[in-house]
């Protein structure tokens, strides 16, 4: 007995044929055991049979377009069948198996396997909104109002859902499955990582006057976005992961280079920007306090430098 499966564009089984004889013919003609509706497939394209060793073998029956193993470009006249790797004829993939092929274990039902991803998504979302609400409260300088907290949090929620919806559509188009929950987890994880980085660097810039993290936050943001996009692309399809990684890395390098040039020109035109972009409560300033003498000494140093710049150079 031979089983022949015709696969869809998403590599799912579109149709499955059972052949009780010792051999099977695959082609577009109606005299075949497996009929493939593909104009690039010959009337009789492939013959499948068992060799003397009992292995399933596929042989090109004289087609013009040939037979290939998976995505290989080298044409083959004879293929010893591997049940895990499909054979390509024309624009169609077929998979050949026998009755001894072992199938994977059954998946858990939706209600049993989806509870933990949902809980994880809720916890990630709560953590992100909690971090945002905390820092909105810390920088509050006037009377607290509901709109002060509600508007930014709802805007952030809307952006996350819109981002997830776009990638869900991409997965649906190219992979045949929406994967909304998986894409939501990817987006929330990336957003949580960047939120923690941003808030830590803002705190460090204010508390200890450490400007490095804030000055290069655009690079960190670009890296997080690139990693998130790669995992979205991985969710959309597990093939060509190396090419996808190279493409994402190239776009990341271009984005960081462009932003670095723009910021460098901005510093040349307007001078360095402030280190602390958020004014936090004074109690969070943990760095050493500089006295009045240090302040006026810095003023004198700046004045001396300006006077030196104004003095014309002697010929």
Protein backbone atom coordinates (compact mmCIF):
# COMPACT_ATOMS: atom_id res chain seq x y z
CA UNK A 1 0.00 0.00 0.00
CA UNK A 2 1.22 3.50 -0.90
CA UNK A 3 -0.05 6.86 0.35
CA UNK A 4 0.47 9.98 -1.76
CA UNK A 5 -0.28 13.43 -0.31
CA UNK A 6 -0.64 16.55 -2.44
CA UNK A 7 0.43 19.56 -0.37
CA UNK A 8 -0.95 23.09 -0.36
CA UNK A 9 1.15 26.25 -0.68
CA UNK A 10 1.44 26.23 3.13
CA UNK A 11 2.79 22.64 3.07
CA UNK A 12 -0.41 21.29 4.59
CA UNK A 13 -2.10 18.22 3.14
CA UNK A 14 -4.59 19.33 0.50
CA UNK A 15 -5.58 15.84 -0.68
CA UNK A 16 -4.49 12.33 0.26
CA UNK A 17 -4.65 9.28 -2.05
CA UNK A 18 -4.50 5.60 -1.06
CA UNK A 19 -3.09 3.21 -3.63
CA UNK A 20 -3.54 -0.47 -2.88
CA UNK A 21 -1.28 -1.69 -5.67
CA UNK A 22 2.49 -2.10 -5.71
CA UNK A 23 3.07 1.00 -7.81
CA UNK A 24 1.42 4.34 -8.48
CA UNK A 25 1.46 6.92 -11.25
CA UNK A 26 1.23 10.66 -10.61
CA UNK A 27 0.33 13.17 -13.31
CA UNK A 28 -2.27 15.43 -14.85
CA UNK A 29 -3.94 12.74 -16.96
CA UNK A 30 -7.05 10.91 -15.82
CA UNK A 31 -5.39 7.50 -16.15
CA UNK A 32 -3.13 8.19 -13.14
CA UNK A 33 -3.62 6.95 -9.60
CA UNK A 34 -2.99 10.51 -8.34
CA UNK A 35 -4.25 13.39 -10.48
CA UNK A 36 -2.51 16.75 -10.00
CA UNK A 37 -4.23 19.86 -11.32
CA UNK A 38 -1.08 21.76 -12.34
CA UNK A 39 -0.42 22.88 -15.95
CA UNK A 40 3.34 22.38 -15.40
CA UNK A 41 2.85 18.69 -14.60
CA UNK A 42 3.01 16.15 -17.44
CA UNK A 43 0.14 13.86 -18.32
CA UNK A 44 2.14 11.06 -16.68
CA UNK A 45 4.89 12.63 -14.61
CA UNK A 46 6.11 10.24 -11.88
CA UNK A 47 6.07 6.51 -11.29
CA UNK A 48 6.32 5.30 -7.67
CA UNK A 49 7.20 1.69 -6.82
CA UNK A 50 9.15 -0.46 -4.36
CA UNK A 51 12.65 -1.60 -5.25
CA UNK A 52 14.17 -4.96 -4.36
CA UNK A 53 15.12 -3.60 -0.90
CA UNK A 54 11.50 -2.67 -0.18
CA UNK A 55 12.13 1.07 -0.39
CA UNK A 56 9.71 3.43 -2.09
CA UNK A 57 11.31 4.95 -5.19
CA UNK A 58 10.03 7.79 -7.41
CA UNK A 59 11.14 7.83 -11.06
CA UNK A 60 10.58 10.56 -13.64
CA UNK A 61 8.27 9.07 -16.26
CA UNK A 62 9.67 11.27 -19.07
CA UNK A 63 8.33 14.73 -18.18
CA UNK A 64 9.73 17.93 -19.69
CA UNK A 65 9.85 19.93 -16.44
CA UNK A 66 11.44 17.18 -14.38
CA UNK A 67 11.31 16.10 -10.77
CA UNK A 68 13.06 17.72 -7.78
CA UNK A 69 13.60 16.95 -4.12
CA UNK A 70 12.05 19.76 -2.09
CA UNK A 71 13.49 23.17 -3.00
CA UNK A 72 16.57 21.76 -4.71
CA UNK A 73 17.29 23.06 -8.20
CA UNK A 74 19.06 19.97 -9.43
CA UNK A 75 16.76 17.83 -11.54
CA UNK A 76 16.56 14.17 -10.53
CA UNK A 77 15.49 11.18 -12.55
CA UNK A 78 15.27 8.88 -9.55
CA UNK A 79 14.60 9.63 -5.86
CA UNK A 80 14.57 7.20 -2.95
CA UNK A 81 11.56 8.50 -1.06
CA UNK A 82 12.06 10.22 2.28
CA UNK A 83 8.63 10.49 3.96
CA UNK A 84 9.59 13.78 5.65
CA UNK A 85 10.75 15.58 2.48
CA UNK A 86 8.29 16.26 -0.35
CA UNK A 87 8.99 15.90 -4.06
CA UNK A 88 8.35 18.84 -6.38
CA UNK A 89 6.79 18.31 -9.80
CA UNK A 90 5.85 21.43 -11.73
CA UNK A 91 4.62 23.90 -9.10
CA UNK A 92 3.23 21.16 -6.86
CA UNK A 93 4.71 19.36 -3.87
CA UNK A 94 3.75 15.74 -3.21
CA UNK A 95 4.72 13.58 -0.24
CA UNK A 96 4.90 9.80 -0.45
CA UNK A 97 4.52 7.54 2.57
CA UNK A 98 3.63 4.01 3.45
CA UNK A 99 1.44 2.55 6.19
CA UNK A 100 4.41 2.05 8.56
CA UNK A 101 5.09 5.79 8.81
CA UNK A 102 4.75 6.96 12.42
CA UNK A 103 2.67 10.05 13.06
CA UNK A 104 3.42 12.54 15.89
CA UNK A 105 1.44 12.48 19.11
CA UNK A 106 -1.91 14.20 19.14
CA UNK A 107 -1.99 17.87 20.11
CA UNK A 108 -3.80 19.09 23.18
CA UNK A 109 -7.24 20.56 22.65
CA UNK A 110 -7.46 24.32 22.31
CA UNK A 111 -8.91 24.94 25.78
CA UNK A 112 -6.10 22.96 27.42
CA UNK A 113 -3.10 24.31 25.50
CA UNK A 114 -4.08 27.97 25.20
CA UNK A 115 -4.56 28.83 28.85
CA UNK A 116 -0.88 29.47 29.61
CA UNK A 117 -0.20 31.68 26.57
CA UNK A 118 -3.26 33.75 27.46
CA UNK A 119 -2.13 34.07 31.08
CA UNK A 120 1.38 35.02 29.92
CA UNK A 121 0.00 37.67 27.57
CA UNK A 122 -2.14 39.14 30.36
CA UNK A 123 0.83 39.24 32.75
CA UNK A 124 3.10 40.84 30.15
CA UNK A 125 0.47 43.45 29.32
CA UNK A 126 -0.13 44.21 33.00
CA UNK A 127 3.62 44.57 33.61
CA UNK A 128 4.03 46.99 30.69
CA UNK A 129 1.05 49.12 31.69
CA UNK A 130 2.21 49.07 35.32
CA UNK A 131 5.70 50.33 34.36
CA UNK A 132 4.23 53.09 32.21
CA UNK A 133 1.77 54.13 34.91
CA UNK A 134 4.53 54.19 37.55
CA UNK A 135 6.74 56.53 35.58
CA UNK A 136 3.80 58.73 34.62
CA UNK A 137 3.15 59.07 38.34
CA UNK A 138 6.82 59.83 39.11
CA UNK A 139 7.03 62.67 36.60
CA UNK A 140 3.66 64.14 37.61
CA UNK A 141 4.06 67.85 38.52
CA UNK A 142 0.42 68.91 38.77
CA UNK A 143 -2.82 67.56 40.15
CA UNK A 144 -3.35 63.97 38.97
CA UNK A 145 -6.13 63.45 36.44
CA UNK A 146 -7.57 60.31 34.93
CA UNK A 147 -6.82 61.50 31.37
CA UNK A 148 -3.14 61.94 32.25
CA UNK A 149 -2.84 58.19 32.76
CA UNK A 150 -5.65 56.84 30.61
CA UNK A 151 -4.70 58.48 27.30
CA UNK A 152 -1.06 57.25 27.11
CA UNK A 153 -1.99 53.76 28.29
CA UNK A 154 -4.85 53.42 25.79
CA UNK A 155 -2.63 54.77 23.01
CA UNK A 156 0.05 52.22 23.85
CA UNK A 157 -2.54 49.42 23.91
CA UNK A 158 -3.86 50.52 20.52
CA UNK A 159 -0.38 50.51 18.98
CA UNK A 160 0.34 47.01 20.30
CA UNK A 161 -2.95 45.65 18.94
CA UNK A 162 -2.43 47.34 15.56
CA UNK A 163 1.13 45.97 15.30
CA UNK A 164 -0.10 42.48 16.21
CA UNK A 165 -2.95 42.69 13.71
CA UNK A 166 -0.56 43.54 10.86
CA UNK A 167 1.66 40.55 11.60
CA UNK A 168 -1.38 38.33 12.06
CA UNK A 169 -2.49 39.18 8.53
CA UNK A 170 1.04 38.49 7.23
CA UNK A 171 1.04 35.06 8.91
CA UNK A 172 -2.39 34.32 7.50
CA UNK A 173 -1.36 35.24 3.95
CA UNK A 174 2.02 33.46 3.86
CA UNK A 175 1.56 30.60 6.34
CA UNK A 176 -2.16 29.92 6.32
CA UNK A 177 -2.57 30.39 10.09
CA UNK A 178 -3.24 33.67 11.88
CA UNK A 179 -1.16 33.06 15.00
CA UNK A 180 -2.65 36.11 16.76
CA UNK A 181 -1.73 34.94 20.25
CA UNK A 182 1.85 34.06 19.29
CA UNK A 183 2.35 37.41 17.56
CA UNK A 184 0.86 39.21 20.55
CA UNK A 185 3.31 37.46 22.89
CA UNK A 186 6.22 38.43 20.63
CA UNK A 187 5.13 42.08 20.52
CA UNK A 188 4.52 42.27 24.28
CA UNK A 189 7.87 40.66 25.10
CA UNK A 190 9.75 43.12 22.88
CA UNK A 191 7.84 46.06 24.32
CA UNK A 192 8.53 44.93 27.89
CA UNK A 193 12.26 44.61 27.19
CA UNK A 194 12.43 48.08 25.68
CA UNK A 195 10.27 49.60 28.44
CA UNK A 196 12.59 48.20 31.11
CA UNK A 197 15.65 49.45 29.22
CA UNK A 198 14.20 52.91 28.66
CA UNK A 199 13.03 53.41 32.22
CA UNK A 200 16.31 52.12 33.67
CA UNK A 201 18.40 54.42 31.48
CA UNK A 202 16.17 57.41 32.31
CA UNK A 203 16.52 56.64 36.01
CA UNK A 204 20.30 56.18 35.68
CA UNK A 205 20.64 59.45 33.77
CA UNK A 206 18.76 61.35 36.49
CA UNK A 207 20.04 59.53 39.56
CA UNK A 208 23.72 59.04 38.65
CA UNK A 209 24.17 61.32 35.59
CA UNK A 210 24.99 58.36 33.35
CA UNK A 211 24.17 59.56 29.83
CA UNK A 212 25.32 56.55 27.79
CA UNK A 213 22.06 54.60 27.89
CA UNK A 214 19.92 57.63 27.03
CA UNK A 215 22.25 58.83 24.28
CA UNK A 216 22.09 55.48 22.52
CA UNK A 217 18.47 54.57 23.20
CA UNK A 218 17.74 54.79 19.48
CA UNK A 219 20.18 51.92 18.85
CA UNK A 220 18.59 49.81 21.60
CA UNK A 221 15.12 50.53 20.22
CA UNK A 222 16.22 49.56 16.70
CA UNK A 223 17.75 46.30 17.96
CA UNK A 224 14.59 45.37 19.88
CA UNK A 225 12.39 46.14 16.86
CA UNK A 226 14.68 44.08 14.60
CA UNK A 227 14.61 41.07 16.94
CA UNK A 228 10.82 41.31 17.27
CA UNK A 229 10.42 41.50 13.47
CA UNK A 230 12.64 38.43 13.03
CA UNK A 231 10.50 36.40 15.44
CA UNK A 232 7.36 37.61 13.64
CA UNK A 233 8.87 36.47 10.33
CA UNK A 234 9.78 33.16 11.97
CA UNK A 235 6.18 32.78 13.07
CA UNK A 236 5.00 33.56 9.53
CA UNK A 237 7.12 30.71 8.14
CA UNK A 238 10.00 28.57 9.38
CA UNK A 239 11.72 28.39 5.99
CA UNK A 240 14.62 30.63 4.88
CA UNK A 241 15.39 31.74 8.43
CA UNK A 242 19.00 32.57 7.56
CA UNK A 243 17.95 34.83 4.69
CA UNK A 244 15.35 36.50 6.89
CA UNK A 245 17.95 37.07 9.63
CA UNK A 246 20.42 38.58 7.15
CA UNK A 247 17.74 40.89 5.72
CA UNK A 248 16.66 42.07 9.18
CA UNK A 249 20.30 42.60 10.25
CA UNK A 250 21.02 44.63 7.12
CA UNK A 251 17.99 46.87 7.69
CA UNK A 252 19.00 47.23 11.35
CA UNK A 253 22.51 48.37 10.39
CA UNK A 254 21.09 50.91 7.92
CA UNK A 255 18.59 52.26 10.47
CA UNK A 256 21.24 52.69 13.18
CA UNK A 257 23.68 54.30 10.74
CA UNK A 258 21.07 56.81 9.50
CA UNK A 259 20.00 57.75 13.03
CA UNK A 260 23.63 58.09 14.14
CA UNK A 261 24.37 60.51 11.30
CA UNK A 262 21.21 62.53 12.04
CA UNK A 263 22.05 62.82 15.74
CA UNK A 264 25.66 63.69 15.00
CA UNK A 265 24.55 66.54 12.74
CA UNK A 266 22.03 67.69 15.36
CA UNK A 267 24.80 67.86 17.98
CA UNK A 268 26.98 69.86 15.58
CA UNK A 269 24.13 72.34 14.94
CA UNK A 270 22.56 72.64 18.39
CA UNK A 271 25.09 71.16 20.79
CA UNK A 272 24.67 68.13 23.09
CA UNK A 273 21.17 67.47 24.34
CA UNK A 274 20.17 67.20 28.00
CA UNK A 275 21.07 63.92 29.65
CA UNK A 276 17.92 63.63 31.78
CA UNK A 277 14.83 63.86 29.60
CA UNK A 278 12.50 63.26 32.54
CA UNK A 279 12.54 65.20 35.77
CA UNK A 280 12.02 62.70 38.55
CA UNK A 281 11.48 63.39 42.26
CA UNK A 282 14.63 64.87 43.91
CA UNK A 283 14.76 61.93 46.32
CA UNK A 284 15.74 59.70 43.39
CA UNK A 285 18.90 61.69 42.70
CA UNK A 286 21.52 59.35 44.15
CA UNK A 287 24.69 60.86 42.71
CA UNK A 288 27.09 63.04 44.74
CA UNK A 289 25.77 66.54 45.39
CA UNK A 290 28.02 69.29 44.04
CA UNK A 291 28.41 72.41 46.14
CA UNK A 292 28.29 76.07 45.23
CA UNK A 293 32.07 76.22 44.82
CA UNK A 294 32.01 73.46 42.22
CA UNK A 295 29.32 75.34 40.29
CA UNK A 296 31.26 78.62 40.12
CA UNK A 297 34.50 76.77 39.34
CA UNK A 298 32.77 75.22 36.32
CA UNK A 299 31.56 78.69 35.28
CA UNK A 300 35.10 80.04 35.46
CA UNK A 301 36.38 77.13 33.40
CA UNK A 302 33.78 77.78 30.72
CA UNK A 303 34.56 81.53 30.78
CA UNK A 304 38.28 80.87 30.34
CA UNK A 305 37.54 78.63 27.37
CA UNK A 306 35.32 81.24 25.74
CA UNK A 307 37.91 83.96 26.27
CA UNK A 308 40.54 81.72 24.70
CA UNK A 309 38.34 81.15 21.68
CA UNK A 310 37.73 84.88 21.24
CA UNK A 311 41.43 85.76 21.36
CA UNK A 312 42.70 86.12 17.78
CA UNK A 313 45.61 83.87 16.90
CA UNK A 314 48.92 85.68 16.37
CA UNK A 315 50.44 85.37 12.90
